[in-house]
Amino acid sequence: MMKAAKKQTQSSILALALEGDKLEGAWVRRVNGKLEVRKGFSSALALDPLTADSELVGREIRNHLDAAGIREKHCIAAFPMGWALTIPTRIAEIPEEDVPSFLQIEAERGFPYALETLIVEPSFYRSPNGDRYATQIGVPREHLVRLETVLRFAKLTPLSFGIGLHPLIWPEKNLAEPVVTLEVSGPAVGLIISCGEGLATLRTLQGVVADESPEKGLRSDAIAREIRISLGQLPGEIRDAIRVLRVVGKGDAAKTLSTQIVARAESMGLRVEWVKGATAQQLGLPAAAGDAFGVATTLAARYLASVRSGYEFLPPRTSAWREFANRHSTKKLGWAGAVAASVAVVVGGMFAVQQYQLSGLRARWAVLAPKVEEVEALQQQIRRFRPWFDESFRSLSILKTLTEAFPEDGSVTAKMVEIRETSSVTCSGTARDNQVLYKTMDQLRSAKEIEDLKLDQSKGKSPVQYSFIFRWVEGGSRERQ
C-alpha cells in the first residue's frame, strides 16, 4: 500500500527502455492534469549492463542523462524481452487456493533453472471456450539485480521493472479477441500473442535480419514462418479465434515489414495493421498533440496515469543490515548464506508441494470417509460374534479327544468337562483306581493338541475321585514322535 501511495503522488518520472546496446529515455511530468515531456534521448551504450562493471555502466548512463539535461532521480525501467523465459500451463479445475502451488510445481518442471534464481510472474487468460491458462514469465534474478545496481550507480532510484514491450502490446481487459503482435525495434523483432487480458506467447525472433545486416531490412518470410510455428503451438480454440496481425513500430523497418508480410498473413487468415505508437488519447491523461510516442515516453505517461502496463519484476528490497553484511562479509560467509537461502527455498517448495498433496488427499478422504465408517462398523460386529461362529469346532474336538482317551470298559468316567476361553480345559470324574487314571492321562498326553496336562485333585483309592487340567492348542505347537 505504501508503494501504491508513492506511485499515486509521483508527479514526474524518468522511463528507461533497454534493447540490446540501445538505451531510450524519457522524462515526463504531470502538470495540472496534463502530461509534459520535458526531455528525451536515444543513445547507444558502449558497455553491456550484464557483463561490464556495474559502476562503469552506471556512470555511462549518468553521462547520457546529464548530456540530455535530465535531473529526475526516480525511474522505471524496461529490460529486453530476450531476458524473459516463458512456459505455458493449462490450469485444471482445482480450487483457487491451490493454483499458486500448482503453478509453482509446473514452473519447477518447466523452467531450465532453479526457481530461486528467477523472478516469476504469471499471466492468466481464458480461451474462447472458457478453459483457463497461464503463461509463466521468468526472468533471471541476477539480471534484474545487476540492472538495479547499475541504475543506483547512475544515481537513480528504480520504482518499477517491466519487460521491454510497447505498452500498446500489453493486453487489456476489454480486448476480447486474441491478437498477434510484432514489435519492431531496430533489428530486434518480438512476437507476442495476447488473449483477453493475458499473454499466450512471448518470443524474441532470431535470424530474421536480411543477411545479418539491419540496413537490408527484415526477412518477412522467416518472420511469417515463426508466426506459423507459434500459432501451431496454441490450443485450437485460441488459434482459430485470431484474426489480426499488428505490427508496432514507427521506423522504416516496421513500415516495410507491415507491407511485405500482408500476403503471407492473409494465407494464415490474418489482417495486418501497422501501429506507429501510442497517441495522446491512449496515454490515460491529456497530453500535447504530437507524433506517436515511443516505448519510454508511453511507459512514463501510463505510470503517471496509474495505468498498469505489465508485470512487476523489481527485486524485493533488502534491509540496510543485509546490504552491509553482503558488502563486508567474506566469500565463505556469502556462500554459506547462499546455501542457507537455497535450502530455505527448497524446504519452502517442499512444504508447498506437501500442502498441495494434503489438499488432494483431504478431498479424496471426504469421499471415502462414509464407506470407511461402514466397514469399521462391520468389523466390530465380526469381532463381537466371531466366537459364536468358530469353524474349527474346537469344543467338539476337545470332547472327541477325551472320549478316545477314556477306556471303553467304563473304568474311568467324566462327570464334568469345563472349557474356558476356548483353550483351558478342566475335567473331573471317577476312576476305578489310580493305575487306570494314570494310564488314561498318558493316553491324553500323546495327543498333539494337549499340553501342560497335570492332575489337579485326587481323592480315595478305589474308586478315585479325580480332577485334571490341560491346555488345548489347535493343531498342536510341537510335533509328536
Foldseek 3Di string as FASTA:
>chain_A
DVLVVVLQPDFKEKEWEDDPQKIKIWIWGADPQAIDTPWIDMDGHPDDLQPDDLLVLLVVVLVVCVVGVHDDAEYAYAYELVQKDKDKDFDDPDDPVLVVLVVQVVCCVPDPDHPVQWDKDWFWAAFPVGTIMIIIIIGGPSSLVSVCSSSVSNNHHYSFYHHQDALVQQADQPPAAWEWEWEDDQPKIWTWIDHRRGTPDTDIDPPQCVVPDSVVAGNLVSVLVVVVVVLVPDPPRNSVRYAEYEYEAQDPNSVVSLVVNQVSQVVSNYHYHYHHADFQVPLQTHYDGDDHDDRNVSVRSVSNNVHDRHDGDNDDDDDPVVVVCVVPPDPVVVVVVVVVVVVVVVVVSVVSVVVSVVVVVVVVCVVCVVVVVVVVVVVVVCVVCVVVVDPVPLVVVVVVLLVVLQDPVPQWDWDDWDQDPSWKIKTWDKGQAVVNVVSSVVSSVQDQQWAPKDWDDWDDGGIITTMIMTTGHVPHPDDGD
